[in-house]
Amino acid sequence: MPRSVNHAASKARRKKTLKLAKGYFGRRKNVWTVAKNAVEKGLVYAYRDRRAKKREFRALWIMRINAACRELGVSYSQFMGKLNASELDFNRKVLADLAANDPVAFKAVFDQIMKG
C-alpha cells in the first residue's frame, strides 16, 4: 500500500512561513529551507526584543528625568529618594513625559516633592 501524505497541511505550513518571510531579501523570501531558518530566527529576535524594549524605555525615562533634575540642581537618585518618601505617586514614564514635554509642570511636581 502506498504511503499517504497530508500534502494540504504541509503546503499550508510552508505557505504560512513564506508569508511571514515576505519582505526579506533574496532567497530568504521564496526558498523554503532558507525562509524557514530566517523566519525562525526573526521570531526569536522578536521574542527577545519585546523584553529588551521595556528595559530600553526605562533607561530612556531615567535619562530624561535625570537631565531635568540636573537643570534644577539635584541628581536623579536624590530626586527619586524624595519622591519615594513623599505621598505623591508618579511613575518614571509620567515624570519623563513631563520633563520632556511640559517643563513647567515638571518644575511644579519637583518643587512639591523637594519641599515635602
PDB file of N, CA and C in Angstrom:
ATOM      1  N   MET A   1       0.849  -1.187   0.000  1.00  0.00           N
ATOM      2  CA  MET A   1       0.000   0.000   0.000  1.00  0.00           C
ATOM      3  C   MET A   1       0.894   1.249   0.000  1.00  0.00           C
ATOM      4  N   PRO A   2       0.605   2.227  -0.839  1.00  0.00           N
ATOM      5  CA  PRO A   2       1.467   3.406  -0.910  1.00  0.00           C
ATOM      6  C   PRO A   2       1.359   4.268   0.352  1.00  0.00           C
ATOM      7  N   ARG A   3       2.435   4.996   0.590  1.00  0.00           N
ATOM      8  CA  ARG A   3       2.476   5.878   1.745  1.00  0.00           C
ATOM      9  C   ARG A   3       1.531   7.061   1.518  1.00  0.00           C
ATOM     10  N   SER A   4       0.829   7.435   2.555  1.00  0.00           N
ATOM     11  CA  SER A   4      -0.107   8.547   2.461  1.00  0.00           C
ATOM     12  C   SER A   4       0.503   9.786   3.121  1.00  0.00           C
ATOM     13  N   VAL A   5       0.463  10.901   2.424  1.00  0.00           N
ATOM     14  CA  VAL A   5       0.984  12.152   2.998  1.00  0.00           C
ATOM     15  C   VAL A   5      -0.122  13.197   2.971  1.00  0.00           C
ATOM     16  N   ASN A   6      -0.125  14.015   3.976  1.00  0.00           N
ATOM     17  CA  ASN A   6      -1.122  15.084   4.054  1.00  0.00           C
ATOM     18  C   ASN A   6      -0.536  16.327   3.375  1.00  0.00           C
ATOM     19  N   HIS A   7      -0.612  16.340   2.085  1.00  0.00           N
ATOM     20  CA  HIS A   7       0.015  17.421   1.332  1.00  0.00           C
ATOM     21  C   HIS A   7      -0.635  18.773   1.607  1.00  0.00           C
ATOM     22  N   ALA A   8      -1.930  18.783   1.841  1.00  0.00           N
ATOM     23  CA  ALA A   8      -2.616  20.057   2.083  1.00  0.00           C
ATOM     24  C   ALA A   8      -2.065  20.726   3.338  1.00  0.00           C
ATOM     25  N   ALA A   9      -1.848  19.945   4.397  1.00  0.00           N
ATOM     26  CA  ALA A   9      -1.353  20.512   5.654  1.00  0.00           C
ATOM     27  C   ALA A   9       0.079  20.996   5.519  1.00  0.00           C
ATOM     28  N   SER A  10       0.943  20.193   4.871  1.00  0.00           N
ATOM     29  CA  SER A  10       2.339  20.595   4.747  1.00  0.00           C
ATOM     30  C   SER A  10       2.480  21.809   3.828  1.00  0.00           C
ATOM     31  N   LYS A  11       1.670  21.866   2.791  1.00  0.00           N
ATOM     32  CA  LYS A  11       1.709  23.029   1.895  1.00  0.00           C
ATOM     33  C   LYS A  11       1.237  24.285   2.634  1.00  0.00           C
ATOM     34  N   ALA A  12       0.203  24.133   3.455  1.00  0.00           N
ATOM     35  CA  ALA A  12      -0.300  25.278   4.225  1.00  0.00           C
ATOM     36  C   ALA A  12       0.754  25.763   5.207  1.00  0.00           C
ATOM     37  N   ARG A  13       1.467  24.820   5.831  1.00  0.00           N
ATOM     38  CA  ARG A  13       2.516  25.185   6.780  1.00  0.00           C
ATOM     39  C   ARG A  13       3.633  25.959   6.074  1.00  0.00           C
ATOM     40  N   ARG A  14       4.050  25.486   4.916  1.00  0.00           N
ATOM     41  CA  ARG A  14       5.085  26.188   4.159  1.00  0.00           C
ATOM     42  C   ARG A  14       4.596  27.558   3.694  1.00  0.00           C
ATOM     43  N   LYS A  15       3.343  27.608   3.271  1.00  0.00           N
ATOM     44  CA  LYS A  15       2.775  28.868   2.793  1.00  0.00           C
ATOM     45  C   LYS A  15       2.738  29.912   3.916  1.00  0.00           C
ATOM     46  N   LYS A  16       2.405  29.446   5.118  1.00  0.00           N
ATOM     47  CA  LYS A  16       2.355  30.343   6.270  1.00  0.00           C
ATOM     48  C   LYS A  16       3.747  30.916   6.575  1.00  0.00           C
ATOM     49  N   THR A  17       4.757  30.059   6.513  1.00  0.00           N
ATOM     50  CA  THR A  17       6.125  30.512   6.777  1.00  0.00           C
ATOM     51  C   THR A  17       6.593  31.475   5.690  1.00  0.00           C
ATOM     52  N   LEU A  18       6.295  31.165   4.435  1.00  0.00           N
ATOM     53  CA  LEU A  18       6.701  32.055   3.347  1.00  0.00           C
ATOM     54  C   LEU A  18       5.975  33.395   3.423  1.00  0.00           C
ATOM     55  N   LYS A  19       4.764  33.383   3.942  1.00  0.00           N
ATOM     56  CA  LYS A  19       4.047  34.647   4.120  1.00  0.00           C
ATOM     57  C   LYS A  19       4.733  35.493   5.190  1.00  0.00           C
ATOM     58  N   LEU A  20       5.223  34.839   6.250  1.00  0.00           N
ATOM     59  CA  LEU A  20       5.954  35.566   7.291  1.00  0.00           C
ATOM     60  C   LEU A  20       7.279  36.120   6.757  1.00  0.00           C
ATOM     61  N   ALA A  21       7.838  35.467   5.722  1.00  0.00           N
ATOM     62  CA  ALA A  21       9.124  35.896   5.156  1.00  0.00           C
ATOM     63  C   ALA A  21       8.956  36.994   4.120  1.00  0.00           C
ATOM     64  N   LYS A  22       7.746  37.440   3.875  1.00  0.00           N
ATOM     65  CA  LYS A  22       7.512  38.482   2.890  1.00  0.00           C
ATOM     66  C   LYS A  22       8.295  39.738   3.266  1.00  0.00           C
ATOM     67  N   GLY A  23       9.002  40.287   2.304  1.00  0.00           N
ATOM     68  CA  GLY A  23       9.796  41.481   2.551  1.00  0.00           C
ATOM     69  C   GLY A  23      11.256  41.186   2.815  1.00  0.00           C
ATOM     70  N   TYR A  24      11.601  39.920   3.023  1.00  0.00           N
ATOM     71  CA  TYR A  24      13.002  39.572   3.205  1.00  0.00           C
ATOM     72  C   TYR A  24      13.730  39.684   1.866  1.00  0.00           C
ATOM     73  N   PHE A  25      15.056  39.744   1.904  1.00  0.00           N
ATOM     74  CA  PHE A  25      15.860  39.964   0.705  1.00  0.00           C
ATOM     75  C   PHE A  25      16.370  38.643   0.145  1.00  0.00           C
ATOM     76  N   GLY A  26      16.363  38.532  -1.164  1.00  0.00           N
ATOM     77  CA  GLY A  26      16.956  37.383  -1.842  1.00  0.00           C
ATOM     78  C   GLY A  26      16.191  36.099  -1.612  1.00  0.00           C
ATOM     79  N   ARG A  27      16.940  34.985  -1.474  1.00  0.00           N
ATOM     80  CA  ARG A  27      16.297  33.683  -1.328  1.00  0.00           C
ATOM     81  C   ARG A  27      15.568  33.534   0.001  1.00  0.00           C
ATOM     82  N   ARG A  28      15.834  34.435   0.939  1.00  0.00           N
ATOM     83  CA  ARG A  28      15.187  34.345   2.245  1.00  0.00           C
ATOM     84  C   ARG A  28      13.672  34.491   2.133  1.00  0.00           C
ATOM     85  N   LYS A  29      13.192  35.068   1.046  1.00  0.00           N
ATOM     86  CA  LYS A  29      11.747  35.296   0.920  1.00  0.00           C
ATOM     87  C   LYS A  29      11.005  34.227   0.126  1.00  0.00           C
ATOM     88  N   ASN A  30      11.731  33.391  -0.668  1.00  0.00           N
ATOM     89  CA  ASN A  30      10.982  32.481  -1.528  1.00  0.00           C
ATOM     90  C   ASN A  30      11.507  31.047  -1.576  1.00  0.00           C
ATOM     91  N   VAL A  31      12.625  30.760  -0.944  1.00  0.00           N
ATOM     92  CA  VAL A  31      13.135  29.387  -0.895  1.00  0.00           C
ATOM     93  C   VAL A  31      12.801  28.829   0.478  1.00  0.00           C
ATOM     94  N   TRP A  32      12.084  27.711   0.504  1.00  0.00           N
ATOM     95  CA  TRP A  32      11.512  27.185   1.739  1.00  0.00           C
ATOM     96  C   TRP A  32      12.545  26.996   2.842  1.00  0.00           C
ATOM     97  N   THR A  33      13.658  26.315   2.562  1.00  0.00           N
ATOM     98  CA  THR A  33      14.613  25.999   3.625  1.00  0.00           C
ATOM     99  C   THR A  33      15.281  27.255   4.164  1.00  0.00           C
ATOM    100  N   VAL A  34      15.584  28.187   3.303  1.00  0.00           N
ATOM    101  CA  VAL A  34      16.227  29.428   3.733  1.00  0.00           C
ATOM    102  C   VAL A  34      15.219  30.300   4.478  1.00  0.00           C
ATOM    103  N   ALA A  35      14.010  30.395   3.940  1.00  0.00           N
ATOM    104  CA  ALA A  35      12.973  31.211   4.563  1.00  0.00           C
ATOM    105  C   ALA A  35      12.608  30.671   5.938  1.00  0.00           C
ATOM    106  N   LYS A  36      12.551  29.345   6.084  1.00  0.00           N
ATOM    107  CA  LYS A  36      12.204  28.739   7.372  1.00  0.00           C
ATOM    108  C   LYS A  36      13.208  29.150   8.441  1.00  0.00           C
ATOM    109  N   ASN A  37      14.501  29.079   8.104  1.00  0.00           N
ATOM    110  CA  ASN A  37      15.537  29.477   9.062  1.00  0.00           C
ATOM    111  C   ASN A  37      15.462  30.963   9.391  1.00  0.00           C
ATOM    112  N   ALA A  38      15.232  31.782   8.371  1.00  0.00           N
ATOM    113  CA  ALA A  38      15.174  33.230   8.576  1.00  0.00           C
ATOM    114  C   ALA A  38      13.982  33.614   9.440  1.00  0.00           C
ATOM    115  N   VAL A  39      12.828  32.990   9.199  1.00  0.00           N
ATOM    116  CA  VAL A  39      11.625  33.304   9.968  1.00  0.00           C
ATOM    117  C   VAL A  39      11.795  32.846  11.419  1.00  0.00           C
ATOM    118  N   GLU A  40      12.345  31.656  11.620  1.00  0.00           N
ATOM    119  CA  GLU A  40      12.566  31.170  12.992  1.00  0.00           C
ATOM    120  C   GLU A  40      13.486  32.112  13.760  1.00  0.00           C
ATOM    121  N   LYS A  41      14.560  32.543  13.107  1.00  0.00           N
ATOM    122  CA  LYS A  41      15.495  33.464  13.760  1.00  0.00           C
ATOM    123  C   LYS A  41      14.811  34.802  14.042  1.00  0.00           C
ATOM    124  N   GLY A  42      14.000  35.264  13.099  1.00  0.00           N
ATOM    125  CA  GLY A  42      13.283  36.517  13.298  1.00  0.00           C
ATOM    126  C   GLY A  42      12.312  36.451  14.463  1.00  0.00           C
ATOM    127  N   LEU A  43      11.649  35.311  14.622  1.00  0.00           N
ATOM    128  CA  LEU A  43      10.719  35.154  15.745  1.00  0.00           C
ATOM    129  C   LEU A  43      11.458  35.109  17.078  1.00  0.00           C
ATOM    130  N   VAL A  44      12.662  34.534  17.083  1.00  0.00           N
ATOM    131  CA  VAL A  44      13.484  34.533  18.300  1.00  0.00           C
ATOM    132  C   VAL A  44      13.861  35.964  18.671  1.00  0.00           C
ATOM    133  N   TYR A  45      14.292  36.735  17.670  1.00  0.00           N
ATOM    134  CA  TYR A  45      14.636  38.135  17.926  1.00  0.00           C
ATOM    135  C   TYR A  45      13.414  38.909  18.434  1.00  0.00           C
ATOM    136  N   ALA A  46      12.243  38.654  17.851  1.00  0.00           N
ATOM    137  CA  ALA A  46      11.034  39.366  18.260  1.00  0.00           C
ATOM    138  C   ALA A  46      10.696  39.075  19.714  1.00  0.00           C
ATOM    139  N   TYR A  47      10.815  37.808  20.109  1.00  0.00           N
ATOM    140  CA  TYR A  47      10.532  37.416  21.491  1.00  0.00           C
ATOM    141  C   TYR A  47      11.508  38.100  22.442  1.00  0.00           C
ATOM    142  N   ARG A  48      12.792  38.052  22.090  1.00  0.00           N
ATOM    143  CA  ARG A  48      13.827  38.665  22.937  1.00  0.00           C
ATOM    144  C   ARG A  48      13.620  40.170  23.052  1.00  0.00           C
ATOM    145  N   ASP A  49      13.340  40.815  21.926  1.00  0.00           N
ATOM    146  CA  ASP A  49      13.302  42.265  21.913  1.00  0.00           C
ATOM    147  C   ASP A  49      12.024  42.851  22.494  1.00  0.00           C
ATOM    148  N   ARG A  50      10.969  42.048  22.595  1.00  0.00           N
ATOM    149  CA  ARG A  50       9.788  42.534  23.322  1.00  0.00           C
ATOM    150  C   ARG A  50      10.143  42.770  24.782  1.00  0.00           C
ATOM    151  N   ARG A  51      11.071  42.008  25.308  1.00  0.00           N
ATOM    152  CA  ARG A  51      11.513  42.190  26.681  1.00  0.00           C
ATOM    153  C   ARG A  51      12.582  43.283  26.782  1.00  0.00           C
ATOM    154  N   ALA A  52      13.492  43.326  25.822  1.00  0.00           N
ATOM    155  CA  ALA A  52      14.546  44.336  25.825  1.00  0.00           C
ATOM    156  C   ALA A  52      13.962  45.738  25.663  1.00  0.00           C
ATOM    157  N   LYS A  53      12.863  45.844  24.937  1.00  0.00           N
ATOM    158  CA  LYS A  53      12.208  47.139  24.705  1.00  0.00           C
ATOM    159  C   LYS A  53      11.805  47.794  26.018  1.00  0.00           C
ATOM    160  N   LYS A  54      11.331  46.999  26.956  1.00  0.00           N
ATOM    161  CA  LYS A  54      10.912  47.522  28.256  1.00  0.00           C
ATOM    162  C   LYS A  54      12.117  48.087  29.014  1.00  0.00           C
ATOM    163  N   ARG A  55      13.257  47.376  28.949  1.00  0.00           N
ATOM    164  CA  ARG A  55      14.475  47.858  29.606  1.00  0.00           C
ATOM    165  C   ARG A  55      14.973  49.149  28.962  1.00  0.00           C
ATOM    166  N   GLU A  56      14.903  49.203  27.636  1.00  0.00           N
ATOM    167  CA  GLU A  56      15.400  50.385  26.932  1.00  0.00           C
ATOM    168  C   GLU A  56      14.554  51.614  27.234  1.00  0.00           C
ATOM    169  N   PHE A  57      13.236  51.434  27.313  1.00  0.00           N
ATOM    170  CA  PHE A  57      12.377  52.568  27.626  1.00  0.00           C
ATOM    171  C   PHE A  57      12.591  53.055  29.047  1.00  0.00           C
ATOM    172  N   ARG A  58      12.759  52.132  29.992  1.00  0.00           N
ATOM    173  CA  ARG A  58      13.019  52.549  31.378  1.00  0.00           C
ATOM    174  C   ARG A  58      14.314  53.352  31.445  1.00  0.00           C
ATOM    175  N   ALA A  59      15.352  52.908  30.744  1.00  0.00           N
ATOM    176  CA  ALA A  59      16.616  53.641  30.721  1.00  0.00           C
ATOM    177  C   ALA A  59      16.436  55.039  30.118  1.00  0.00           C
ATOM    178  N   LEU A  60      15.634  55.139  29.070  1.00  0.00           N
ATOM    179  CA  LEU A  60      15.363  56.437  28.439  1.00  0.00           C
ATOM    180  C   LEU A  60      14.636  57.365  29.403  1.00  0.00           C
ATOM    181  N   TRP A  61      13.623  56.829  30.111  1.00  0.00           N
ATOM    182  CA  TRP A  61      12.885  57.649  31.080  1.00  0.00           C
ATOM    183  C   TRP A  61      13.821  58.164  32.172  1.00  0.00           C
ATOM    184  N   ILE A  62      14.708  57.299  32.648  1.00  0.00           N
ATOM    185  CA  ILE A  62      15.640  57.704  33.710  1.00  0.00           C
ATOM    186  C   ILE A  62      16.567  58.804  33.205  1.00  0.00           C
ATOM    187  N   MET A  63      17.042  58.692  31.958  1.00  0.00           N
ATOM    188  CA  MET A  63      17.912  59.729  31.394  1.00  0.00           C
ATOM    189  C   MET A  63      17.185  61.074  31.317  1.00  0.00           C
ATOM    190  N   ARG A  64      15.939  61.041  30.894  1.00  0.00           N
ATOM    191  CA  ARG A  64      15.182  62.292  30.755  1.00  0.00           C
ATOM    192  C   ARG A  64      14.907  62.928  32.112  1.00  0.00           C
ATOM    193  N   ILE A  65      14.539  62.110  33.095  1.00  0.00           N
ATOM    194  CA  ILE A  65      14.286  62.641  34.439  1.00  0.00           C
ATOM    195  C   ILE A  65      15.582  63.196  35.023  1.00  0.00           C
ATOM    196  N   ASN A  66      16.674  62.478  34.842  1.00  0.00           N
ATOM    197  CA  ASN A  66      17.968  62.912  35.364  1.00  0.00           C
ATOM    198  C   ASN A  66      18.372  64.253  34.753  1.00  0.00           C
ATOM    199  N   ALA A  67      18.184  64.401  33.435  1.00  0.00           N
ATOM    200  CA  ALA A  67      18.550  65.664  32.770  1.00  0.00           C
ATOM    201  C   ALA A  67      17.727  66.825  33.325  1.00  0.00           C
ATOM    202  N   ALA A  68      16.427  66.595  33.530  1.00  0.00           N
ATOM    203  CA  ALA A  68      15.563  67.657  34.045  1.00  0.00           C
ATOM    204  C   ALA A  68      15.932  67.992  35.487  1.00  0.00           C
ATOM    205  N   CYS A  69      16.253  66.977  36.278  1.00  0.00           N
ATOM    206  CA  CYS A  69      16.627  67.215  37.679  1.00  0.00           C
ATOM    207  C   CYS A  69      17.950  67.955  37.776  1.00  0.00           C
ATOM    208  N   ARG A  70      18.904  67.605  36.928  1.00  0.00           N
ATOM    209  CA  ARG A  70      20.224  68.258  36.958  1.00  0.00           C
ATOM    210  C   ARG A  70      20.093  69.745  36.645  1.00  0.00           C
ATOM    211  N   GLU A  71      19.153  70.084  35.746  1.00  0.00           N
ATOM    212  CA  GLU A  71      18.927  71.507  35.452  1.00  0.00           C
ATOM    213  C   GLU A  71      18.414  72.250  36.676  1.00  0.00           C
ATOM    214  N   LEU A  72      17.746  71.521  37.553  1.00  0.00           N
ATOM    215  CA  LEU A  72      17.205  72.125  38.767  1.00  0.00           C
ATOM    216  C   LEU A  72      18.136  71.924  39.964  1.00  0.00           C
ATOM    217  N   GLY A  73      19.313  71.361  39.730  1.00  0.00           N
ATOM    218  CA  GLY A  73      20.340  71.293  40.761  1.00  0.00           C
ATOM    219  C   GLY A  73      20.319  70.073  41.664  1.00  0.00           C
ATOM    220  N   VAL A  74      19.630  69.011  41.260  1.00  0.00           N
ATOM    221  CA  VAL A  74      19.541  67.797  42.085  1.00  0.00           C
ATOM    222  C   VAL A  74      19.826  66.599  41.200  1.00  0.00           C
ATOM    223  N   SER A  75      20.439  65.557  41.770  1.00  0.00           N
ATOM    224  CA  SER A  75      20.684  64.345  40.995  1.00  0.00           C
ATOM    225  C   SER A  75      19.417  63.493  40.931  1.00  0.00           C
ATOM    226  N   TYR A  76      19.423  62.567  39.999  1.00  0.00           N
ATOM    227  CA  TYR A  76      18.276  61.656  39.831  1.00  0.00           C
ATOM    228  C   TYR A  76      18.020  60.847  41.091  1.00  0.00           C
ATOM    229  N   SER A  77      19.088  60.332  41.701  1.00  0.00           N
ATOM    230  CA  SER A  77      18.903  59.461  42.866  1.00  0.00           C
ATOM    231  C   SER A  77      18.345  60.232  44.057  1.00  0.00           C
ATOM    232  N   GLN A  78      18.789  61.463  44.229  1.00  0.00           N
ATOM    233  CA  GLN A  78      18.242  62.288  45.323  1.00  0.00           C
ATOM    234  C   GLN A  78      16.759  62.572  45.079  1.00  0.00           C
ATOM    235  N   PHE A  79      16.430  62.888  43.837  1.00  0.00           N
ATOM    236  CA  PHE A  79      15.038  63.172  43.479  1.00  0.00           C
ATOM    237  C   PHE A  79      14.145  61.960  43.708  1.00  0.00           C
ATOM    238  N   MET A  80      14.589  60.781  43.255  1.00  0.00           N
ATOM    239  CA  MET A  80      13.776  59.576  43.411  1.00  0.00           C
ATOM    240  C   MET A  80      13.657  59.174  44.881  1.00  0.00           C
ATOM    241  N   GLY A  81      14.694  59.430  45.661  1.00  0.00           N
ATOM    242  CA  GLY A  81      14.612  59.162  47.098  1.00  0.00           C
ATOM    243  C   GLY A  81      13.548  60.008  47.758  1.00  0.00           C
ATOM    244  N   LYS A  82      13.515  61.284  47.403  1.00  0.00           N
ATOM    245  CA  LYS A  82      12.486  62.190  47.945  1.00  0.00           C
ATOM    246  C   LYS A  82      11.089  61.807  47.443  1.00  0.00           C
ATOM    247  N   LEU A  83      11.018  61.406  46.178  1.00  0.00           N
ATOM    248  CA  LEU A  83       9.724  61.009  45.613  1.00  0.00           C
ATOM    249  C   LEU A  83       9.167  59.794  46.353  1.00  0.00           C
ATOM    250  N   ASN A  84      10.010  58.813  46.619  1.00  0.00           N
ATOM    251  CA  ASN A  84       9.550  57.610  47.317  1.00  0.00           C
ATOM    252  C   ASN A  84       9.166  57.910  48.760  1.00  0.00           C
ATOM    253  N   ALA A  85       9.801  58.918  49.353  1.00  0.00           N
ATOM    254  CA  ALA A  85       9.464  59.293  50.730  1.00  0.00           C
ATOM    255  C   ALA A  85       8.198  60.150  50.791  1.00  0.00           C
ATOM    256  N   SER A  86       7.845  60.791  49.681  1.00  0.00           N
ATOM    257  CA  SER A  86       6.668  61.663  49.668  1.00  0.00           C
ATOM    258  C   SER A  86       5.395  60.857  49.471  1.00  0.00           C
ATOM    259  N   GLU A  87       4.263  61.545  49.622  1.00  0.00           N
ATOM    260  CA  GLU A  87       2.967  60.881  49.428  1.00  0.00           C
ATOM    261  C   GLU A  87       2.541  60.877  47.959  1.00  0.00           C
ATOM    262  N   LEU A  88       3.298  61.552  47.099  1.00  0.00           N
ATOM    263  CA  LEU A  88       2.966  61.586  45.678  1.00  0.00           C
ATOM    264  C   LEU A  88       3.323  60.252  45.021  1.00  0.00           C
ATOM    265  N   ASP A  89       2.527  59.868  44.032  1.00  0.00           N
ATOM    266  CA  ASP A  89       2.734  58.579  43.374  1.00  0.00           C
ATOM    267  C   ASP A  89       2.842  58.797  41.871  1.00  0.00           C
ATOM    268  N   PHE A  90       4.063  59.038  41.405  1.00  0.00           N
ATOM    269  CA  PHE A  90       4.330  59.204  39.981  1.00  0.00           C
ATOM    270  C   PHE A  90       5.257  58.082  39.537  1.00  0.00           C
ATOM    271  N   ASN A  91       5.020  57.564  38.327  1.00  0.00           N
ATOM    272  CA  ASN A  91       5.974  56.590  37.792  1.00  0.00           C
ATOM    273  C   ASN A  91       6.945  57.295  36.849  1.00  0.00           C
ATOM    274  N   ARG A  92       7.983  56.575  36.464  1.00  0.00           N
ATOM    275  CA  ARG A  92       9.040  57.179  35.653  1.00  0.00           C
ATOM    276  C   ARG A  92       8.537  57.602  34.277  1.00  0.00           C
ATOM    277  N   LYS A  93       7.598  56.853  33.728  1.00  0.00           N
ATOM    278  CA  LYS A  93       7.071  57.181  32.403  1.00  0.00           C
ATOM    279  C   LYS A  93       6.404  58.554  32.416  1.00  0.00           C
ATOM    280  N   VAL A  94       5.578  58.810  33.423  1.00  0.00           N
ATOM    281  CA  VAL A  94       4.867  60.090  33.526  1.00  0.00           C
ATOM    282  C   VAL A  94       5.853  61.218  33.798  1.00  0.00           C
ATOM    283  N   LEU A  95       6.791  60.992  34.709  1.00  0.00           N
ATOM    284  CA  LEU A  95       7.772  62.031  35.025  1.00  0.00           C
ATOM    285  C   LEU A  95       8.625  62.382  33.811  1.00  0.00           C
ATOM    286  N   ALA A  96       9.029  61.371  33.041  1.00  0.00           N
ATOM    287  CA  ALA A  96       9.835  61.627  31.847  1.00  0.00           C
ATOM    288  C   ALA A  96       9.045  62.403  30.809  1.00  0.00           C
ATOM    289  N   ASP A  97       7.755  62.089  30.668  1.00  0.00           N
ATOM    290  CA  ASP A  97       6.922  62.807  29.718  1.00  0.00           C
ATOM    291  C   ASP A  97       6.783  64.277  30.137  1.00  0.00           C
ATOM    292  N   LEU A  98       6.580  64.500  31.429  1.00  0.00           N
ATOM    293  CA  LEU A  98       6.500  65.881  31.916  1.00  0.00           C
ATOM    294  C   LEU A  98       7.828  66.606  31.692  1.00  0.00           C
ATOM    295  N   ALA A  99       8.921  65.950  31.981  1.00  0.00           N
ATOM    296  CA  ALA A  99      10.240  66.580  31.840  1.00  0.00           C
ATOM    297  C   ALA A  99      10.510  66.972  30.387  1.00  0.00           C
ATOM    298  N   ALA A 100      10.093  66.126  29.457  1.00  0.00           N
ATOM    299  CA  ALA A 100      10.384  66.386  28.048  1.00  0.00           C
ATOM    300  C   ALA A 100       9.391  67.360  27.421  1.00  0.00           C
ATOM    301  N   ASN A 101       8.116  67.249  27.768  1.00  0.00           N
ATOM    302  CA  ASN A 101       7.085  67.997  27.040  1.00  0.00           C
ATOM    303  C   ASN A 101       6.478  69.166  27.807  1.00  0.00           C
ATOM    304  N   ASP A 102       6.600  69.175  29.127  1.00  0.00           N
ATOM    305  CA  ASP A 102       5.989  70.250  29.920  1.00  0.00           C
ATOM    306  C   ASP A 102       6.886  70.590  31.103  1.00  0.00           C
ATOM    307  N   PRO A 103       7.986  71.310  30.859  1.00  0.00           N
ATOM    308  CA  PRO A 103       8.942  71.600  31.935  1.00  0.00           C
ATOM    309  C   PRO A 103       8.337  72.386  33.095  1.00  0.00           C
ATOM    310  N   VAL A 104       7.326  73.210  32.821  1.00  0.00           N
ATOM    311  CA  VAL A 104       6.695  73.991  33.895  1.00  0.00           C
ATOM    312  C   VAL A 104       5.977  73.054  34.865  1.00  0.00           C
ATOM    313  N   ALA A 105       5.252  72.088  34.321  1.00  0.00           N
ATOM    314  CA  ALA A 105       4.564  71.114  35.170  1.00  0.00           C
ATOM    315  C   ALA A 105       5.569  70.244  35.926  1.00  0.00           C
ATOM    316  N   PHE A 106       6.667  69.867  35.262  1.00  0.00           N
ATOM    317  CA  PHE A 106       7.695  69.074  35.954  1.00  0.00           C
ATOM    318  C   PHE A 106       8.296  69.866  37.099  1.00  0.00           C
ATOM    319  N   LYS A 107       8.528  71.173  36.874  1.00  0.00           N
ATOM    320  CA  LYS A 107       9.075  72.028  37.937  1.00  0.00           C
ATOM    321  C   LYS A 107       8.124  72.089  39.117  1.00  0.00           C
ATOM    322  N   ALA A 108       6.805  72.166  38.840  1.00  0.00           N
ATOM    323  CA  ALA A 108       5.821  72.203  39.926  1.00  0.00           C
ATOM    324  C   ALA A 108       5.847  70.910  40.722  1.00  0.00           C
ATOM    325  N   VAL A 109       5.908  69.782  40.041  1.00  0.00           N
ATOM    326  CA  VAL A 109       5.988  68.482  40.720  1.00  0.00           C
ATOM    327  C   VAL A 109       7.294  68.390  41.486  1.00  0.00           C
ATOM    328  N   PHE A 110       8.385  68.827  40.873  1.00  0.00           N
ATOM    329  CA  PHE A 110       9.710  68.812  41.509  1.00  0.00           C
ATOM    330  C   PHE A 110       9.687  69.616  42.817  1.00  0.00           C
ATOM    331  N   ASP A 111       9.122  70.832  42.765  1.00  0.00           N
ATOM    332  CA  ASP A 111       9.068  71.687  43.968  1.00  0.00           C
ATOM    333  C   ASP A 111       8.236  71.020  45.059  1.00  0.00           C
ATOM    334  N   GLN A 112       7.123  70.422  44.676  1.00  0.00           N
ATOM    335  CA  GLN A 112       6.244  69.736  45.641  1.00  0.00           C
ATOM    336  C   GLN A 112       6.983  68.584  46.326  1.00  0.00           C
ATOM    337  N   ILE A 113       7.742  67.841  45.542  1.00  0.00           N
ATOM    338  CA  ILE A 113       8.471  66.678  46.089  1.00  0.00           C
ATOM    339  C   ILE A 113       9.620  67.144  46.983  1.00  0.00           C
ATOM    340  N   MET A 114      10.381  68.125  46.531  1.00  0.00           N
ATOM    341  CA  MET A 114      11.554  68.557  47.304  1.00  0.00           C
ATOM    342  C   MET A 114      11.148  69.300  48.577  1.00  0.00           C
ATOM    343  N   LYS A 115       9.980  69.899  48.574  1.00  0.00           N
ATOM    344  CA  LYS A 115       9.505  70.621  49.770  1.00  0.00           C
ATOM    345  C   LYS A 115       9.061  69.633  50.844  1.00  0.00           C
ATOM    346  N   GLY A 116       8.454  68.532  50.422  1.00  0.00           N
ATOM    347  CA  GLY A 116       7.899  67.567  51.373  1.00  0.00           C
ATOM    348  C   GLY A 116       8.865  66.542  51.709  1.00  0.00           C
TER     349      GLY A 116
END
